[in-house]
C-alpha cells in the first residue's frame, strides 16, 4: 500500500560566524558604525583623532549568524610618538586575522591616508567591503555615482555600500548584505555576549570620552584613564579612577575653577556608566602626572596600552 502523504522537508541553514575588522583613517565614523550595528553604545566617540585607542570587540548574534566586529584605531601616516606607533600597530594587526574587512571612507574624499589604509588591505589579502560613510553630508547626490565608480577602479571590493552611520541610514540593511560574505561555522561566543572587554576597561573608556569631548583640542591626546577600583556592592557599583596627564600645568585645566569642570565630566561619565551597567554608580576621580607618558613605551605598557 502506497502512502501518498507528502513529507514536509525542513531546510535548516548552517550557522555562520566571522571576524570582521572595521578599518580606516581617523574620524571616518568607524566607532559610530560599530555602535549602530550592535544597537548598543560600546565604542566611545568624539570628533577628535585618537578617540579609539584599542581594538574593541563587539559581538552581534541574530538568527543563525554571529558577527564579531573589531573596531580599530584610525591609521596614521606619521608615527610621531610611541602612542601613534601603538595605534597603527593595533589597527594593522586586525587586518591579517579576520574573515572580512570593512574599509570605511568619507563620501567624496580619498586622500593619502585612505591610500595608506588601502595599501595595507592589499597586503592582507582578505575579502573587503568598502563602506562609504557620511553620505548625509552630500548635498548633490549626483556626485556620488562617479565617486563610487572611482572607488571600484582602485580595488576589487566585494561590494561598495553608501550609508550614514551618524543617522543610522542603511546600517541594518548593510548588515543583512554583509552576512553573505561570512563563512559557515559554529558561533564562538555565548548568545548574550557583547564584548570580551572587562567592566574596568568599559568604565575607563566612558570617562575618557567625557574628557575628550570637553577639553581643548590638544589636551585629550595627553590624557588617559586607569581604573584603580571597581567593586560591586548590592545595587551599587563603586569606581575609583585615575586621570593621567603629561604635565603639572595640565591638572588645573582638567579640574576647572574650583573643580567644576572635572565635576561636570565625572557626572556625565557616571550617568553613562549607570546606563551601561544598569545600576547606580559611585565614581571618584583623581588626577596624577606621568611625564610624557604618550611617548614612552614603558609608560604605555604600564597604563594598559599593550597589543
Protein backbone atom coordinates (compact mmCIF):
# COMPACT_ATOMS: atom_id res chain seq x y z
CA UNK A 1 0.00 0.00 0.00
CA UNK A 2 1.41 3.36 -1.01
CA UNK A 3 1.36 6.37 1.38
CA UNK A 4 0.51 9.41 -0.71
CA UNK A 5 1.01 11.90 2.14
CA UNK A 6 3.65 14.50 1.31
CA UNK A 7 6.66 14.56 3.57
CA UNK A 8 7.49 18.02 4.87
CA UNK A 9 11.18 18.78 4.46
CA UNK A 10 12.58 21.39 6.83
CA UNK A 11 15.57 23.25 5.50
CA UNK A 12 17.91 24.38 8.26
CA UNK A 13 20.54 26.93 7.28
CA UNK A 14 24.06 26.28 8.53
CA UNK A 15 25.26 28.68 11.20
CA UNK A 16 27.60 31.45 10.15
CA UNK A 17 30.38 33.10 12.10
CA UNK A 18 33.00 35.63 11.13
CA UNK A 19 35.51 38.12 12.50
CA UNK A 20 35.06 41.48 10.75
CA UNK A 21 37.62 44.28 11.10
CA UNK A 22 36.46 47.89 10.78
CA UNK A 23 39.39 49.98 9.50
CA UNK A 24 40.05 53.42 8.07
CA UNK A 25 41.79 56.68 8.74
CA UNK A 26 40.86 58.71 11.87
CA UNK A 27 37.42 60.31 12.15
CA UNK A 28 35.66 58.43 9.35
CA UNK A 29 32.97 57.08 11.72
CA UNK A 30 34.20 53.56 12.49
CA UNK A 31 33.10 53.57 16.13
CA UNK A 32 29.72 55.14 15.36
CA UNK A 33 29.17 52.44 12.74
CA UNK A 34 30.03 49.69 15.26
CA UNK A 35 27.63 51.09 17.84
CA UNK A 36 24.73 51.18 15.38
CA UNK A 37 25.50 47.67 14.13
CA UNK A 38 25.36 46.41 17.72
CA UNK A 39 22.41 48.56 18.76
CA UNK A 40 24.41 49.45 21.89
CA UNK A 41 26.99 52.15 22.57
CA UNK A 42 30.13 50.10 23.18
CA UNK A 43 32.88 52.11 21.49
CA UNK A 44 33.34 55.72 22.62
CA UNK A 45 33.01 58.53 20.08
CA UNK A 46 34.26 62.09 19.78
CA UNK A 47 35.18 64.44 16.97
CA UNK A 48 38.90 64.11 17.68
CA UNK A 49 41.67 61.82 16.48
CA UNK A 50 42.89 59.04 18.79
CA UNK A 51 39.46 58.67 20.40
CA UNK A 52 39.66 54.94 19.69
CA UNK A 53 42.98 53.71 21.09
CA UNK A 54 42.42 49.97 21.33
CA UNK A 55 40.86 47.16 19.38
CA UNK A 56 37.25 46.91 20.57
CA UNK A 57 35.47 43.60 20.02
CA UNK A 58 31.70 43.85 19.65
CA UNK A 59 29.61 40.71 19.11
CA UNK A 60 26.23 40.70 17.37
CA UNK A 61 24.18 37.49 17.27
CA UNK A 62 20.99 37.25 15.26
CA UNK A 63 19.25 34.21 13.84
CA UNK A 64 21.87 31.68 12.78
CA UNK A 65 24.54 34.34 12.38
CA UNK A 66 27.16 35.69 14.77
CA UNK A 67 29.49 38.53 13.77
CA UNK A 68 32.47 39.55 15.88
CA UNK A 69 33.26 43.12 14.84
CA UNK A 70 36.66 44.60 15.66
CA UNK A 71 36.73 48.39 15.87
CA UNK A 72 40.28 49.68 15.34
CA UNK A 73 42.19 52.93 15.92
CA UNK A 74 42.45 55.24 12.93
CA UNK A 75 45.54 54.53 10.84
CA UNK A 76 48.01 57.44 10.73
CA UNK A 77 50.62 58.21 8.12
CA UNK A 78 53.03 59.64 10.67
CA UNK A 79 54.22 57.96 13.86
CA UNK A 80 55.43 60.98 15.82
CA UNK A 81 55.10 59.40 19.26
CA UNK A 82 55.12 55.96 20.85
CA UNK A 83 51.33 56.30 21.11
CA UNK A 84 50.99 56.72 17.31
CA UNK A 85 53.14 53.64 16.78
CA UNK A 86 50.94 51.67 19.18
CA UNK A 87 47.74 52.81 17.45
CA UNK A 88 48.99 51.87 13.99
CA UNK A 89 50.30 48.51 15.18
CA UNK A 90 46.96 47.75 16.85
CA UNK A 91 44.98 48.60 13.70
CA UNK A 92 47.31 46.75 11.32
CA UNK A 93 47.22 43.59 13.46
CA UNK A 94 43.46 43.30 13.00
CA UNK A 95 43.74 43.11 9.21
CA UNK A 96 45.57 39.81 8.96
CA UNK A 97 43.44 37.55 11.16
CA UNK A 98 39.83 38.27 10.13
CA UNK A 99 37.36 36.82 7.67
CA UNK A 100 36.24 40.16 6.26
CA UNK A 101 37.41 43.78 6.26
CA UNK A 102 35.17 46.84 6.29
CA UNK A 103 37.15 49.73 4.79
CA UNK A 104 35.40 52.93 5.90
CA UNK A 105 35.91 56.13 3.90
CA UNK A 106 34.20 59.53 3.96
CA UNK A 107 31.92 60.19 0.99
CA UNK A 108 33.56 62.17 -1.87
CA UNK A 109 37.03 62.08 -0.30
CA UNK A 110 40.00 59.76 -0.80
CA UNK A 111 43.35 61.17 0.32
CA UNK A 112 46.85 59.95 1.16
CA UNK A 113 45.69 58.44 4.46
CA UNK A 114 42.98 56.44 2.69
CA UNK A 115 45.59 55.27 0.17
CA UNK A 116 47.76 54.15 3.07
CA UNK A 117 44.93 52.07 4.55
CA UNK A 118 44.15 50.55 1.14
CA UNK A 119 47.80 49.56 0.67
CA UNK A 120 47.64 47.60 3.94
CA UNK A 121 44.38 45.94 2.87
CA UNK A 122 46.06 44.81 -0.33
CA UNK A 123 48.80 43.16 1.73
CA UNK A 124 46.27 41.46 3.99
CA UNK A 125 44.51 39.84 1.01
CA UNK A 126 41.20 39.47 2.83
CA UNK A 127 37.74 39.95 1.30
CA UNK A 128 36.93 43.64 1.71
CA UNK A 129 33.79 45.77 1.58
CA UNK A 130 34.17 49.50 1.05
CA UNK A 131 31.81 51.44 3.31
CA UNK A 132 31.18 54.98 2.07
CA UNK A 133 30.13 56.84 5.21
CA UNK A 134 28.62 60.30 5.82
CA UNK A 135 26.51 60.35 2.66
CA UNK A 136 24.08 62.55 4.63
CA UNK A 137 26.57 65.40 4.15
CA UNK A 138 26.49 65.12 0.36
CA UNK A 139 24.03 67.75 -0.86
CA UNK A 140 24.37 66.92 -4.55
CA UNK A 141 23.67 63.17 -4.69
CA UNK A 142 24.60 63.18 -8.39
CA UNK A 143 28.25 63.38 -7.32
CA UNK A 144 28.06 60.02 -5.54
CA UNK A 145 27.90 57.72 -8.59
CA UNK A 146 31.17 58.95 -10.20
CA UNK A 147 32.82 58.72 -6.78
CA UNK A 148 31.64 55.12 -6.28
CA UNK A 149 32.89 54.23 -9.76
CA UNK A 150 36.31 55.68 -8.93
CA UNK A 151 36.47 53.51 -5.79
CA UNK A 152 35.62 50.40 -7.82
CA UNK A 153 38.64 51.09 -10.02
CA UNK A 154 41.00 51.21 -7.03
CA UNK A 155 40.42 47.67 -5.75
CA UNK A 156 38.15 44.64 -6.40
CA UNK A 157 35.91 45.21 -3.37
CA UNK A 158 33.23 42.60 -2.68
CA UNK A 159 30.77 45.48 -2.77
CA UNK A 160 30.66 49.24 -2.12
CA UNK A 161 27.98 50.40 0.30
CA UNK A 162 26.97 54.05 0.86
CA UNK A 163 25.44 54.77 4.29
CA UNK A 164 25.34 57.23 7.14
CA UNK A 165 26.42 55.81 10.48
CA UNK A 166 25.51 59.04 12.30
CA UNK A 167 21.90 58.94 11.07
CA UNK A 168 21.76 55.12 11.18
CA UNK A 169 20.81 55.28 7.49
CA UNK A 170 21.18 51.94 5.65
CA UNK A 171 23.20 50.42 8.53
CA UNK A 172 20.94 47.44 9.27
CA UNK A 173 20.33 46.87 5.55
CA UNK A 174 24.09 46.81 5.14
CA UNK A 175 24.48 44.18 7.88
CA UNK A 176 21.96 41.92 6.14
CA UNK A 177 24.05 42.10 2.96
CA UNK A 178 27.23 41.50 4.91
CA UNK A 179 26.08 38.04 6.04
CA UNK A 180 26.55 36.54 2.56
CA UNK A 181 30.30 37.22 2.76
CA UNK A 182 30.77 35.32 6.05
CA UNK A 183 31.96 31.70 6.23
CA UNK A 184 29.86 28.92 7.66
CA UNK A 185 30.91 27.92 11.16
CA UNK A 186 29.84 27.47 14.75
CA UNK A 187 29.43 30.55 16.92
CA UNK A 188 32.43 31.40 19.09
CA UNK A 189 30.60 33.33 21.82
CA UNK A 190 27.56 32.80 24.03
CA UNK A 191 24.44 34.36 22.55
CA UNK A 192 24.26 37.21 25.10
CA UNK A 193 27.93 38.18 24.79
CA UNK A 194 28.51 41.81 23.78
CA UNK A 195 32.29 42.13 24.18
CA UNK A 196 35.34 40.46 25.65
CA UNK A 197 36.44 43.68 27.35
CA UNK A 198 36.31 43.95 31.15
CA UNK A 199 33.98 46.24 33.08
CA UNK A 200 37.04 48.23 34.20
CA UNK A 201 38.01 48.85 30.59
CA UNK A 202 34.48 49.98 29.71
CA UNK A 203 34.39 52.33 32.70
CA UNK A 204 37.76 53.87 31.83
CA UNK A 205 36.67 54.45 28.23
CA UNK A 206 33.41 56.12 29.27
CA UNK A 207 35.28 58.59 31.45
CA UNK A 208 37.92 59.22 28.77
CA UNK A 209 35.16 60.01 26.28
CA UNK A 210 33.88 62.83 28.50
CA UNK A 211 37.38 64.19 28.96
CA UNK A 212 37.98 64.07 25.22
CA UNK A 213 34.75 65.87 24.39
CA UNK A 214 35.01 68.65 26.98
CA UNK A 215 38.67 69.60 26.96
CA UNK A 216 40.70 71.62 24.47
CA UNK A 217 41.81 70.36 21.07
CA UNK A 218 45.30 69.38 22.28
CA UNK A 219 44.78 68.13 25.83
CA UNK A 220 42.85 64.88 25.11
CA UNK A 221 45.96 63.45 23.43
CA UNK A 222 47.87 63.93 26.70
CA UNK A 223 45.19 62.18 28.76
CA UNK A 224 44.46 58.60 29.66
CA UNK A 225 42.42 56.87 32.36
CA UNK A 226 43.02 53.84 34.56
CA UNK A 227 40.57 52.19 36.95
CA UNK A 228 42.02 51.51 40.40
CA UNK A 229 38.89 50.00 41.92
CA UNK A 230 35.68 48.57 40.51
CA UNK A 231 33.64 46.90 43.20
CA UNK A 232 30.02 45.81 43.14
CA UNK A 233 28.02 46.11 46.37
CA UNK A 234 24.39 45.02 46.06
CA UNK A 235 22.78 47.61 43.72
CA UNK A 236 25.82 49.91 43.68
CA UNK A 237 28.99 49.88 41.57
CA UNK A 238 31.91 51.66 43.22
CA UNK A 239 34.51 53.03 40.79
CA UNK A 240 37.81 54.75 41.55
CA UNK A 241 39.52 56.27 38.50
CA UNK A 242 42.85 57.99 37.90
CA UNK A 243 43.18 60.55 35.12
CA UNK A 244 46.77 60.71 33.92
CA UNK A 245 48.23 63.85 32.33
CA UNK A 246 51.72 64.57 30.99
CA UNK A 247 52.44 67.88 32.77
CA UNK A 248 51.60 69.53 36.09
CA UNK A 249 50.24 72.54 34.20
CA UNK A 250 47.52 70.30 32.73
CA UNK A 251 45.97 69.37 36.10
CA UNK A 252 44.20 72.72 36.69
CA UNK A 253 42.85 72.62 33.12
CA UNK A 254 41.17 69.30 33.83
CA UNK A 255 39.93 70.47 37.23
CA UNK A 256 38.49 73.79 36.10
CA UNK A 257 37.56 76.56 38.51
CA UNK A 258 37.14 75.04 41.98
CA UNK A 259 36.93 71.61 40.36
CA UNK A 260 33.79 72.48 38.37
CA UNK A 261 34.96 71.06 35.03
CA UNK A 262 36.02 67.71 36.48
CA UNK A 263 32.76 67.51 38.44
CA UNK A 264 30.73 68.05 35.26
CA UNK A 265 32.70 65.45 33.25
CA UNK A 266 32.58 62.91 36.09
CA UNK A 267 28.82 63.38 36.46
CA UNK A 268 28.27 62.73 32.75
CA UNK A 269 30.53 59.68 32.91
CA UNK A 270 28.70 58.34 35.97
CA UNK A 271 25.32 58.64 34.23
CA UNK A 272 26.62 56.79 31.17
CA UNK A 273 28.11 54.09 33.39
CA UNK A 274 24.76 53.68 35.14
CA UNK A 275 23.04 53.25 31.79
CA UNK A 276 25.59 50.73 30.54
CA UNK A 277 25.92 48.67 33.74
CA UNK A 278 22.23 49.10 34.64
CA UNK A 279 22.88 50.02 38.27
CA UNK A 280 23.79 53.00 40.43
CA UNK A 281 27.43 54.08 40.25
CA UNK A 282 29.59 55.90 42.78
CA UNK A 283 32.53 57.44 40.88
CA UNK A 284 35.58 59.09 42.39
CA UNK A 285 38.35 60.61 40.24
CA UNK A 286 41.94 61.63 40.92
CA UNK A 287 44.36 63.44 38.61
CA UNK A 288 48.02 62.38 38.51
CA UNK A 289 51.04 63.32 36.41
CA UNK A 290 53.24 60.90 34.48
CA UNK A 291 55.76 62.86 32.44
CA UNK A 292 55.49 62.35 28.65
CA UNK A 293 53.66 59.04 29.09
CA UNK A 294 52.39 59.06 25.47
CA UNK A 295 55.95 58.98 24.13
CA UNK A 296 57.26 56.22 26.39
CA UNK A 297 56.73 52.56 25.53
CA UNK A 298 57.30 51.61 29.16
CA UNK A 299 54.65 54.07 30.36
CA UNK A 300 52.23 52.90 27.69
CA UNK A 301 52.66 49.31 28.88
CA UNK A 302 52.11 50.37 32.49
CA UNK A 303 48.91 52.22 31.55
CA UNK A 304 47.42 49.27 29.69
CA UNK A 305 48.44 50.01 26.09
CA UNK A 306 49.51 46.52 25.15
CA UNK A 307 48.81 44.70 21.89
